[in-house]
Structure formats: structure tokens, C-alpha cells
Amino acid sequence: YFARLYRKVKWIGATLAGFAGALVGLLAASADTSEEDDNTG
């Protein structure tokens, strides 16, 4: 049981790490880095 559980947890962890990496990449790509509106508030 624990051997099977270890294989499943390892697979789920790798999948979640991949999704987290993709999410961080999307958030970093969509970040507004322009300095145009720095003086707004």
C-alpha cells in the first residue's frame, strides 16, 4: 500500500510542480514592467 501510495504521491507532486511552474511563467509574462504610470498614486 505505501509503495503504491509513494508512486502516486510522486506523480501528483511532479504534476503540481509543473502546473506551478507554468503558472509562475504566465504571471511573470503578464506582469506590467512599464514605468509609464509610476507617478500615479
PDB file of all heavy atoms in Angstrom:
ATOM      1  N   TYR A   1       0.828  -1.205   0.000  1.00  0.00           N
ATOM      2  CA  TYR A   1       0.000   0.000   0.000  1.00  0.00           C
ATOM      3  C   TYR A   1       0.862   1.255   0.000  1.00  0.00           C
ATOM      4  O   TYR A   1       0.641   2.175  -0.788  1.00  0.00           O
ATOM      5  CB  TYR A   1      -0.944  -0.002   1.208  1.00  0.00           C
ATOM      6  CG  TYR A   1      -1.678   1.308   1.376  1.00  0.00           C
ATOM      7  CD1 TYR A   1      -2.742   1.625   0.559  1.00  0.00           C
ATOM      8  CD2 TYR A   1      -1.293   2.220   2.350  1.00  0.00           C
ATOM      9  CE1 TYR A   1      -3.422   2.823   0.706  1.00  0.00           C
ATOM     10  CE2 TYR A   1      -1.957   3.421   2.503  1.00  0.00           C
ATOM     11  CZ  TYR A   1      -3.019   3.720   1.675  1.00  0.00           C
ATOM     12  OH  TYR A   1      -3.679   4.898   1.819  1.00  0.00           O
ATOM     13  N   PHE A   2       1.859   1.299   0.884  1.00  0.00           N
ATOM     14  CA  PHE A   2       2.689   2.503   0.974  1.00  0.00           C
ATOM     15  C   PHE A   2       3.591   2.662  -0.250  1.00  0.00           C
ATOM     16  O   PHE A   2       3.905   3.782  -0.652  1.00  0.00           O
ATOM     17  CB  PHE A   2       3.490   2.518   2.270  1.00  0.00           C
ATOM     18  CG  PHE A   2       2.633   2.827   3.459  1.00  0.00           C
ATOM     19  CD1 PHE A   2       2.412   1.887   4.446  1.00  0.00           C
ATOM     20  CD2 PHE A   2       2.019   4.069   3.575  1.00  0.00           C
ATOM     21  CE1 PHE A   2       1.616   2.178   5.536  1.00  0.00           C
ATOM     22  CE2 PHE A   2       1.215   4.360   4.662  1.00  0.00           C
ATOM     23  CZ  PHE A   2       1.006   3.422   5.646  1.00  0.00           C
ATOM     24  N   ALA A   3       3.998   1.554  -0.874  1.00  0.00           N
ATOM     25  CA  ALA A   3       4.770   1.658  -2.117  1.00  0.00           C
ATOM     26  C   ALA A   3       3.913   2.260  -3.227  1.00  0.00           C
ATOM     27  O   ALA A   3       4.358   3.128  -3.981  1.00  0.00           O
ATOM     28  CB  ALA A   3       5.291   0.277  -2.523  1.00  0.00           C
ATOM     29  N   ARG A   4       2.667   1.795  -3.334  1.00  0.00           N
ATOM     30  CA  ARG A   4       1.749   2.341  -4.330  1.00  0.00           C
ATOM     31  C   ARG A   4       1.436   3.801  -4.025  1.00  0.00           C
ATOM     32  O   ARG A   4       1.386   4.638  -4.926  1.00  0.00           O
ATOM     33  CB  ARG A   4       0.466   1.514  -4.361  1.00  0.00           C
ATOM     34  CG  ARG A   4      -0.485   1.936  -5.460  1.00  0.00           C
ATOM     35  CD  ARG A   4      -1.756   1.120  -5.490  1.00  0.00           C
ATOM     36  NE  ARG A   4      -1.445  -0.308  -5.581  1.00  0.00           N
ATOM     37  CZ  ARG A   4      -2.108  -1.243  -4.933  1.00  0.00           C
ATOM     38  NH1 ARG A   4      -3.103  -0.922  -4.140  1.00  0.00           N
ATOM     39  NH2 ARG A   4      -1.781  -2.509  -5.055  1.00  0.00           N
ATOM     40  N   LEU A   5       1.261   4.127  -2.752  1.00  0.00           N
ATOM     41  CA  LEU A   5       0.988   5.498  -2.348  1.00  0.00           C
ATOM     42  C   LEU A   5       2.164   6.411  -2.678  1.00  0.00           C
ATOM     43  O   LEU A   5       1.984   7.530  -3.152  1.00  0.00           O
ATOM     44  CB  LEU A   5       0.670   5.555  -0.856  1.00  0.00           C
ATOM     45  CG  LEU A   5       0.305   6.918  -0.277  1.00  0.00           C
ATOM     46  CD1 LEU A   5      -1.008   7.404  -0.873  1.00  0.00           C
ATOM     47  CD2 LEU A   5       0.209   6.834   1.234  1.00  0.00           C
ATOM     48  N   TYR A   6       3.382   5.920  -2.470  1.00  0.00           N
ATOM     49  CA  TYR A   6       4.578   6.709  -2.771  1.00  0.00           C
ATOM     50  C   TYR A   6       4.648   7.031  -4.266  1.00  0.00           C
ATOM     51  O   TYR A   6       4.949   8.153  -4.658  1.00  0.00           O
ATOM     52  CB  TYR A   6       5.833   5.961  -2.334  1.00  0.00           C
ATOM     53  CG  TYR A   6       7.101   6.623  -2.775  1.00  0.00           C
ATOM     54  CD1 TYR A   6       7.540   7.797  -2.162  1.00  0.00           C
ATOM     55  CD2 TYR A   6       7.863   6.105  -3.812  1.00  0.00           C
ATOM     56  CE1 TYR A   6       8.703   8.421  -2.578  1.00  0.00           C
ATOM     57  CE2 TYR A   6       9.025   6.723  -4.226  1.00  0.00           C
ATOM     58  CZ  TYR A   6       9.439   7.880  -3.607  1.00  0.00           C
ATOM     59  OH  TYR A   6      10.579   8.498  -4.013  1.00  0.00           O
ATOM     60  N   ARG A   7       4.350   6.035  -5.125  1.00  0.00           N
ATOM     61  CA  ARG A   7       4.370   6.274  -6.573  1.00  0.00           C
ATOM     62  C   ARG A   7       3.324   7.310  -6.969  1.00  0.00           C
ATOM     63  O   ARG A   7       3.582   8.189  -7.786  1.00  0.00           O
ATOM     64  CB  ARG A   7       4.136   4.973  -7.321  1.00  0.00           C
ATOM     65  CG  ARG A   7       5.329   4.054  -7.332  1.00  0.00           C
ATOM     66  CD  ARG A   7       5.136   2.920  -8.328  1.00  0.00           C
ATOM     67  NE  ARG A   7       3.907   2.163  -8.113  1.00  0.00           N
ATOM     68  CZ  ARG A   7       3.819   1.050  -7.379  1.00  0.00           C
ATOM     69  NH1 ARG A   7       4.884   0.589  -6.777  1.00  0.00           N
ATOM     70  NH2 ARG A   7       2.673   0.433  -7.255  1.00  0.00           N
ATOM     71  N   LYS A   8       2.132   7.238  -6.371  1.00  0.00           N
ATOM     72  CA  LYS A   8       1.074   8.191  -6.708  1.00  0.00           C
ATOM     73  C   LYS A   8       1.407   9.591  -6.210  1.00  0.00           C
ATOM     74  O   LYS A   8       1.200  10.572  -6.912  1.00  0.00           O
ATOM     75  CB  LYS A   8      -0.260   7.721  -6.133  1.00  0.00           C
ATOM     76  CG  LYS A   8      -0.849   6.552  -6.869  1.00  0.00           C
ATOM     77  CD  LYS A   8      -2.186   6.162  -6.303  1.00  0.00           C
ATOM     78  CE  LYS A   8      -2.722   4.950  -7.039  1.00  0.00           C
ATOM     79  NZ  LYS A   8      -4.014   4.529  -6.548  1.00  0.00           N
ATOM     80  N   VAL A   9       1.943   9.685  -5.001  1.00  0.00           N
ATOM     81  CA  VAL A   9       2.279  10.994  -4.449  1.00  0.00           C
ATOM     82  C   VAL A   9       3.404  11.626  -5.266  1.00  0.00           C
ATOM     83  O   VAL A   9       3.397  12.824  -5.526  1.00  0.00           O
ATOM     84  CB  VAL A   9       2.648  10.876  -2.953  1.00  0.00           C
ATOM     85  CG1 VAL A   9       3.301  12.131  -2.436  1.00  0.00           C
ATOM     86  CG2 VAL A   9       1.407  10.553  -2.139  1.00  0.00           C
ATOM     87  N   LYS A  10       4.364  10.809  -5.702  1.00  0.00           N
ATOM     88  CA  LYS A  10       5.462  11.322  -6.513  1.00  0.00           C
ATOM     89  C   LYS A  10       4.934  11.854  -7.845  1.00  0.00           C
ATOM     90  O   LYS A  10       5.328  12.919  -8.298  1.00  0.00           O
ATOM     91  CB  LYS A  10       6.492  10.212  -6.746  1.00  0.00           C
ATOM     92  CG  LYS A  10       7.774  10.694  -7.350  1.00  0.00           C
ATOM     93  CD  LYS A  10       8.854   9.622  -7.302  1.00  0.00           C
ATOM     94  CE  LYS A  10       8.632   8.623  -8.389  1.00  0.00           C
ATOM     95  NZ  LYS A  10       9.747   7.677  -8.552  1.00  0.00           N
ATOM     96  N   TRP A  11       4.012  11.136  -8.477  1.00  0.00           N
ATOM     97  CA  TRP A  11       3.422  11.566  -9.741  1.00  0.00           C
ATOM     98  C   TRP A  11       2.605  12.833  -9.553  1.00  0.00           C
ATOM     99  O   TRP A  11       2.701  13.770 -10.343  1.00  0.00           O
ATOM    100  CB  TRP A  11       2.556  10.436 -10.293  1.00  0.00           C
ATOM    101  CG  TRP A  11       1.893  10.774 -11.579  1.00  0.00           C
ATOM    102  CD1 TRP A  11       2.454  10.722 -12.821  1.00  0.00           C
ATOM    103  CD2 TRP A  11       0.553  11.227 -11.755  1.00  0.00           C
ATOM    104  NE1 TRP A  11       1.542  11.111 -13.757  1.00  0.00           N
ATOM    105  CE2 TRP A  11       0.364  11.430 -13.133  1.00  0.00           C
ATOM    106  CE3 TRP A  11      -0.504  11.477 -10.888  1.00  0.00           C
ATOM    107  CZ2 TRP A  11      -0.845  11.876 -13.663  1.00  0.00           C
ATOM    108  CZ3 TRP A  11      -1.699  11.923 -11.419  1.00  0.00           C
ATOM    109  CH2 TRP A  11      -1.864  12.110 -12.787  1.00  0.00           C
ATOM    110  N   ILE A  12       1.795  12.878  -8.489  1.00  0.00           N
ATOM    111  CA  ILE A  12       0.972  14.064  -8.225  1.00  0.00           C
ATOM    112  C   ILE A  12       1.860  15.262  -7.915  1.00  0.00           C
ATOM    113  O   ILE A  12       1.608  16.380  -8.374  1.00  0.00           O
ATOM    114  CB  ILE A  12      -0.032  13.784  -7.089  1.00  0.00           C
ATOM    115  CG1 ILE A  12      -1.099  12.806  -7.560  1.00  0.00           C
ATOM    116  CG2 ILE A  12      -0.674  15.065  -6.592  1.00  0.00           C
ATOM    117  CD1 ILE A  12      -1.990  12.293  -6.466  1.00  0.00           C
ATOM    118  N   GLY A  13       2.933  15.054  -7.157  1.00  0.00           N
ATOM    119  CA  GLY A  13       3.852  16.152  -6.837  1.00  0.00           C
ATOM    120  C   GLY A  13       4.533  16.704  -8.072  1.00  0.00           C
ATOM    121  O   GLY A  13       4.675  17.917  -8.224  1.00  0.00           O
ATOM    122  N   ALA A  14       4.957  15.815  -8.974  1.00  0.00           N
ATOM    123  CA  ALA A  14       5.591  16.283 -10.209  1.00  0.00           C
ATOM    124  C   ALA A  14       4.598  17.048 -11.071  1.00  0.00           C
ATOM    125  O   ALA A  14       4.934  18.079 -11.680  1.00  0.00           O
ATOM    126  CB  ALA A  14       6.160  15.096 -10.978  1.00  0.00           C
ATOM    127  N   THR A  15       3.359  16.596 -11.127  1.00  0.00           N
ATOM    128  CA  THR A  15       2.336  17.290 -11.898  1.00  0.00           C
ATOM    129  C   THR A  15       2.046  18.666 -11.306  1.00  0.00           C
ATOM    130  O   THR A  15       1.952  19.658 -12.039  1.00  0.00           O
ATOM    131  CB  THR A  15       1.043  16.450 -11.936  1.00  0.00           C
ATOM    132  OG1 THR A  15       1.356  15.161 -12.463  1.00  0.00           O
ATOM    133  CG2 THR A  15      -0.008  17.109 -12.781  1.00  0.00           C
ATOM    134  N   LEU A  16       1.896  18.739  -9.983  1.00  0.00           N
ATOM    135  CA  LEU A  16       1.638  20.025  -9.341  1.00  0.00           C
ATOM    136  C   LEU A  16       2.814  20.977  -9.505  1.00  0.00           C
ATOM    137  O   LEU A  16       2.621  22.184  -9.684  1.00  0.00           O
ATOM    138  CB  LEU A  16       1.318  19.826  -7.859  1.00  0.00           C
ATOM    139  CG  LEU A  16      -0.035  19.197  -7.551  1.00  0.00           C
ATOM    140  CD1 LEU A  16      -0.193  19.002  -6.053  1.00  0.00           C
ATOM    141  CD2 LEU A  16      -1.163  20.043  -8.101  1.00  0.00           C
ATOM    142  N   ALA A  17       4.040  20.464  -9.451  1.00  0.00           N
ATOM    143  CA  ALA A  17       5.205  21.318  -9.665  1.00  0.00           C
ATOM    144  C   ALA A  17       5.220  21.869 -11.083  1.00  0.00           C
ATOM    145  O   ALA A  17       5.568  23.032 -11.307  1.00  0.00           O
ATOM    146  CB  ALA A  17       6.478  20.547  -9.371  1.00  0.00           C
ATOM    147  N   GLY A  18       4.836  21.057 -12.047  1.00  0.00           N
ATOM    148  CA  GLY A  18       4.748  21.528 -13.434  1.00  0.00           C
ATOM    149  C   GLY A  18       3.701  22.607 -13.605  1.00  0.00           C
ATOM    150  O   GLY A  18       3.935  23.627 -14.264  1.00  0.00           O
ATOM    151  N   PHE A  19       2.527  22.402 -13.001  1.00  0.00           N
ATOM    152  CA  PHE A  19       1.482  23.421 -13.073  1.00  0.00           C
ATOM    153  C   PHE A  19       1.903  24.706 -12.367  1.00  0.00           C
ATOM    154  O   PHE A  19       1.627  25.799 -12.849  1.00  0.00           O
ATOM    155  CB  PHE A  19       0.177  22.904 -12.469  1.00  0.00           C
ATOM    156  CG  PHE A  19      -0.603  22.010 -13.388  1.00  0.00           C
ATOM    157  CD1 PHE A  19      -1.078  20.798 -12.939  1.00  0.00           C
ATOM    158  CD2 PHE A  19      -0.861  22.375 -14.690  1.00  0.00           C
ATOM    159  CE1 PHE A  19      -1.796  19.963 -13.775  1.00  0.00           C
ATOM    160  CE2 PHE A  19      -1.574  21.558 -15.542  1.00  0.00           C
ATOM    161  CZ  PHE A  19      -2.040  20.347 -15.085  1.00  0.00           C
ATOM    162  N   ALA A  20       2.564  24.576 -11.228  1.00  0.00           N
ATOM    163  CA  ALA A  20       3.019  25.765 -10.507  1.00  0.00           C
ATOM    164  C   ALA A  20       4.054  26.523 -11.322  1.00  0.00           C
ATOM    165  O   ALA A  20       4.032  27.758 -11.392  1.00  0.00           O
ATOM    166  CB  ALA A  20       3.597  25.373  -9.146  1.00  0.00           C
ATOM    167  N   GLY A  21       4.966  25.809 -11.985  1.00  0.00           N
ATOM    168  CA  GLY A  21       5.948  26.462 -12.841  1.00  0.00           C
ATOM    169  C   GLY A  21       5.297  27.174 -14.013  1.00  0.00           C
ATOM    170  O   GLY A  21       5.688  28.288 -14.374  1.00  0.00           O
ATOM    171  N   ALA A  22       4.310  26.535 -14.621  1.00  0.00           N
ATOM    172  CA  ALA A  22       3.594  27.177 -15.730  1.00  0.00           C
ATOM    173  C   ALA A  22       2.845  28.412 -15.255  1.00  0.00           C
ATOM    174  O   ALA A  22       2.822  29.445 -15.939  1.00  0.00           O
ATOM    175  CB  ALA A  22       2.627  26.187 -16.373  1.00  0.00           C
ATOM    176  N   LEU A  23       2.229  28.342 -14.079  1.00  0.00           N
ATOM    177  CA  LEU A  23       1.506  29.487 -13.537  1.00  0.00           C
ATOM    178  C   LEU A  23       2.451  30.640 -13.237  1.00  0.00           C
ATOM    179  O   LEU A  23       2.148  31.793 -13.556  1.00  0.00           O
ATOM    180  CB  LEU A  23       0.756  29.082 -12.265  1.00  0.00           C
ATOM    181  CG  LEU A  23      -0.075  30.176 -11.593  1.00  0.00           C
ATOM    182  CD1 LEU A  23      -1.170  30.662 -12.525  1.00  0.00           C
ATOM    183  CD2 LEU A  23      -0.654  29.680 -10.299  1.00  0.00           C
ATOM    184  N   VAL A  24       3.603  30.350 -12.657  1.00  0.00           N
ATOM    185  CA  VAL A  24       4.582  31.405 -12.383  1.00  0.00           C
ATOM    186  C   VAL A  24       5.064  32.015 -13.689  1.00  0.00           C
ATOM    187  O   VAL A  24       5.217  33.239 -13.805  1.00  0.00           O
ATOM    188  CB  VAL A  24       5.759  30.848 -11.551  1.00  0.00           C
ATOM    189  CG1 VAL A  24       6.926  31.815 -11.517  1.00  0.00           C
ATOM    190  CG2 VAL A  24       5.293  30.547 -10.145  1.00  0.00           C
ATOM    191  N   GLY A  25       5.287  31.198 -14.713  1.00  0.00           N
ATOM    192  CA  GLY A  25       5.693  31.711 -16.014  1.00  0.00           C
ATOM    193  C   GLY A  25       4.642  32.622 -16.628  1.00  0.00           C
ATOM    194  O   GLY A  25       4.962  33.678 -17.179  1.00  0.00           O
ATOM    195  N   LEU A  26       3.363  32.227 -16.523  1.00  0.00           N
ATOM    196  CA  LEU A  26       2.297  33.070 -17.061  1.00  0.00           C
ATOM    197  C   LEU A  26       2.177  34.389 -16.302  1.00  0.00           C
ATOM    198  O   LEU A  26       1.982  35.442 -16.903  1.00  0.00           O
ATOM    199  CB  LEU A  26       0.962  32.324 -17.012  1.00  0.00           C
ATOM    200  CG  LEU A  26       0.777  31.222 -18.032  1.00  0.00           C
ATOM    201  CD1 LEU A  26      -0.523  30.477 -17.770  1.00  0.00           C
ATOM    202  CD2 LEU A  26       0.772  31.802 -19.435  1.00  0.00           C
ATOM    203  N   LEU A  27       2.292  34.315 -14.985  1.00  0.00           N
ATOM    204  CA  LEU A  27       2.206  35.542 -14.200  1.00  0.00           C
ATOM    205  C   LEU A  27       3.384  36.462 -14.475  1.00  0.00           C
ATOM    206  O   LEU A  27       3.230  37.683 -14.542  1.00  0.00           O
ATOM    207  CB  LEU A  27       2.117  35.214 -12.710  1.00  0.00           C
ATOM    208  CG  LEU A  27       0.823  34.567 -12.248  1.00  0.00           C
ATOM    209  CD1 LEU A  27       0.912  34.195 -10.777  1.00  0.00           C
ATOM    210  CD2 LEU A  27      -0.353  35.483 -12.500  1.00  0.00           C
ATOM    211  N   ALA A  28       4.568  35.900 -14.641  1.00  0.00           N
ATOM    212  CA  ALA A  28       5.740  36.724 -14.930  1.00  0.00           C
ATOM    213  C   ALA A  28       5.647  37.331 -16.319  1.00  0.00           C
ATOM    214  O   ALA A  28       6.066  38.476 -16.534  1.00  0.00           O
ATOM    215  CB  ALA A  28       7.003  35.890 -14.800  1.00  0.00           C
ATOM    216  N   ALA A  29       5.083  36.595 -17.278  1.00  0.00           N
ATOM    217  CA  ALA A  29       4.965  37.119 -18.629  1.00  0.00           C
ATOM    218  C   ALA A  29       3.917  38.217 -18.719  1.00  0.00           C
ATOM    219  O   ALA A  29       4.033  39.126 -19.545  1.00  0.00           O
ATOM    220  CB  ALA A  29       4.615  35.997 -19.596  1.00  0.00           C
ATOM    221  N   SER A  30       2.908  38.166 -17.882  1.00  0.00           N
ATOM    222  CA  SER A  30       1.851  39.161 -17.949  1.00  0.00           C
ATOM    223  C   SER A  30       2.077  40.342 -17.018  1.00  0.00           C
ATOM    224  O   SER A  30       1.243  41.229 -16.940  1.00  0.00           O
ATOM    225  CB  SER A  30       0.501  38.516 -17.620  1.00  0.00           C
ATOM    226  OG  SER A  30       0.482  38.114 -16.269  1.00  0.00           O
ATOM    227  N   ALA A  31       3.215  40.372 -16.313  1.00  0.00           N
ATOM    228  CA  ALA A  31       3.497  41.472 -15.385  1.00  0.00           C
ATOM    229  C   ALA A  31       3.769  42.747 -16.169  1.00  0.00           C
ATOM    230  O   ALA A  31       4.455  42.742 -17.184  1.00  0.00           O
ATOM    231  CB  ALA A  31       4.686  41.133 -14.507  1.00  0.00           C
ATOM    232  N   ASP A  32       3.227  43.843 -15.695  1.00  0.00           N
ATOM    233  CA  ASP A  32       3.432  45.140 -16.322  1.00  0.00           C
ATOM    234  C   ASP A  32       4.709  45.746 -15.777  1.00  0.00           C
ATOM    235  O   ASP A  32       4.792  46.103 -14.603  1.00  0.00           O
ATOM    236  CB  ASP A  32       2.232  46.049 -16.033  1.00  0.00           C
ATOM    237  CG  ASP A  32       2.350  47.381 -16.733  1.00  0.00           C
ATOM    238  OD1 ASP A  32       3.100  47.474 -17.725  1.00  0.00           O
ATOM    239  OD2 ASP A  32       1.682  48.335 -16.293  1.00  0.00           O
ATOM    240  N   THR A  33       5.724  45.848 -16.627  1.00  0.00           N
ATOM    241  CA  THR A  33       7.003  46.391 -16.185  1.00  0.00           C
ATOM    242  C   THR A  33       7.263  47.785 -16.725  1.00  0.00           C
ATOM    243  O   THR A  33       8.358  48.306 -16.596  1.00  0.00           O
ATOM    244  CB  THR A  33       8.151  45.468 -16.637  1.00  0.00           C
ATOM    245  OG1 THR A  33       8.110  45.351 -18.055  1.00  0.00           O
ATOM    246  CG2 THR A  33       8.024  44.107 -15.986  1.00  0.00           C
ATOM    247  N   SER A  34       6.253  48.395 -17.331  1.00  0.00           N
ATOM    248  CA  SER A  34       6.458  49.735 -17.879  1.00  0.00           C
ATOM    249  C   SER A  34       6.532  50.755 -16.746  1.00  0.00           C
ATOM    250  O   SER A  34       5.899  50.623 -15.710  1.00  0.00           O
ATOM    251  CB  SER A  34       5.323  50.097 -18.834  1.00  0.00           C
ATOM    252  OG  SER A  34       4.122  50.248 -18.115  1.00  0.00           O
ATOM    253  N   GLU A  35       7.330  51.774 -16.969  1.00  0.00           N
ATOM    254  CA  GLU A  35       7.499  52.832 -15.976  1.00  0.00           C
ATOM    255  C   GLU A  35       6.643  54.043 -16.302  1.00  0.00           C
ATOM    256  O   GLU A  35       6.826  55.105 -15.738  1.00  0.00           O
ATOM    257  CB  GLU A  35       8.965  53.229 -15.906  1.00  0.00           C
ATOM    258  CG  GLU A  35       9.857  52.108 -15.439  1.00  0.00           C
ATOM    259  CD  GLU A  35      11.309  52.531 -15.394  1.00  0.00           C
ATOM    260  OE1 GLU A  35      11.576  53.738 -15.464  1.00  0.00           O
ATOM    261  OE2 GLU A  35      12.157  51.658 -15.290  1.00  0.00           O
ATOM    262  N   GLU A  36       5.703  53.863 -17.219  1.00  0.00           N
ATOM    263  CA  GLU A  36       4.904  54.983 -17.689  1.00  0.00           C
ATOM    264  C   GLU A  36       4.021  55.583 -16.606  1.00  0.00           C
ATOM    265  O   GLU A  36       3.887  56.786 -16.496  1.00  0.00           O
ATOM    266  CB  GLU A  36       4.045  54.524 -18.862  1.00  0.00           C
ATOM    267  CG  GLU A  36       3.287  55.634 -19.535  1.00  0.00           C
ATOM    268  CD  GLU A  36       2.583  55.128 -20.765  1.00  0.00           C
ATOM    269  OE1 GLU A  36       3.226  54.489 -21.607  1.00  0.00           O
ATOM    270  OE2 GLU A  36       1.378  55.369 -20.861  1.00  0.00           O
ATOM    271  N   ASP A  37       3.418  54.755 -15.792  1.00  0.00           N
ATOM    272  CA  ASP A  37       2.463  55.228 -14.796  1.00  0.00           C
ATOM    273  C   ASP A  37       3.017  55.129 -13.380  1.00  0.00           C
ATOM    274  O   ASP A  37       2.286  54.855 -12.438  1.00  0.00           O
ATOM    275  CB  ASP A  37       1.163  54.445 -14.896  1.00  0.00           C
ATOM    276  CG  ASP A  37       0.467  54.673 -16.217  1.00  0.00           C
ATOM    277  OD1 ASP A  37       0.528  55.791 -16.741  1.00  0.00           O
ATOM    278  OD2 ASP A  37      -0.140  53.714 -16.704  1.00  0.00           O
ATOM    279  N   ASP A  38       4.314  55.333 -13.203  1.00  0.00           N
ATOM    280  CA  ASP A  38       4.893  55.226 -11.872  1.00  0.00           C
ATOM    281  C   ASP A  38       4.427  56.320 -10.930  1.00  0.00           C
ATOM    282  O   ASP A  38       4.386  56.132  -9.731  1.00  0.00           O
ATOM    283  CB  ASP A  38       6.425  55.273 -11.947  1.00  0.00           C
ATOM    284  CG  ASP A  38       7.006  53.914 -12.281  1.00  0.00           C
ATOM    285  OD1 ASP A  38       6.229  52.949 -12.278  1.00  0.00           O
ATOM    286  OD2 ASP A  38       8.212  53.847 -12.533  1.00  0.00           O
ATOM    287  N   ASN A  39       4.052  57.477 -11.440  1.00  0.00           N
ATOM    288  CA  ASN A  39       3.711  58.612 -10.586  1.00  0.00           C
ATOM    289  C   ASN A  39       2.213  58.746 -10.339  1.00  0.00           C
ATOM    290  O   ASN A  39       1.747  59.809  -9.968  1.00  0.00           O
ATOM    291  CB  ASN A  39       4.241  59.904 -11.215  1.00  0.00           C
ATOM    292  CG  ASN A  39       5.735  59.880 -11.349  1.00  0.00           C
ATOM    293  OD1 ASN A  39       6.403  59.236 -10.567  1.00  0.00           O
ATOM    294  ND2 ASN A  39       6.246  60.571 -12.346  1.00  0.00           N
ATOM    295  N   THR A  40       1.455  57.693 -10.554  1.00  0.00           N
ATOM    296  CA  THR A  40       0.007  57.825 -10.457  1.00  0.00           C
ATOM    297  C   THR A  40      -0.489  58.042  -9.039  1.00  0.00           C
ATOM    298  O   THR A  40      -1.384  58.827  -8.816  1.00  0.00           O
ATOM    299  CB  THR A  40      -0.686  56.581 -11.042  1.00  0.00           C
ATOM    300  OG1 THR A  40      -0.163  55.437 -10.390  1.00  0.00           O
ATOM    301  CG2 THR A  40      -0.472  56.509 -12.533  1.00  0.00           C
ATOM    302  N   GLY A  41       0.043  57.367  -8.056  1.00  0.00           N
ATOM    303  CA  GLY A  41      -0.523  57.494  -6.726  1.00  0.00           C
ATOM    304  C   GLY A  41       0.492  57.816  -5.666  1.00  0.00           C
ATOM    305  O   GLY A  41       0.189  57.782  -4.485  1.00  0.00           O
TER     306      GLY A  41
END
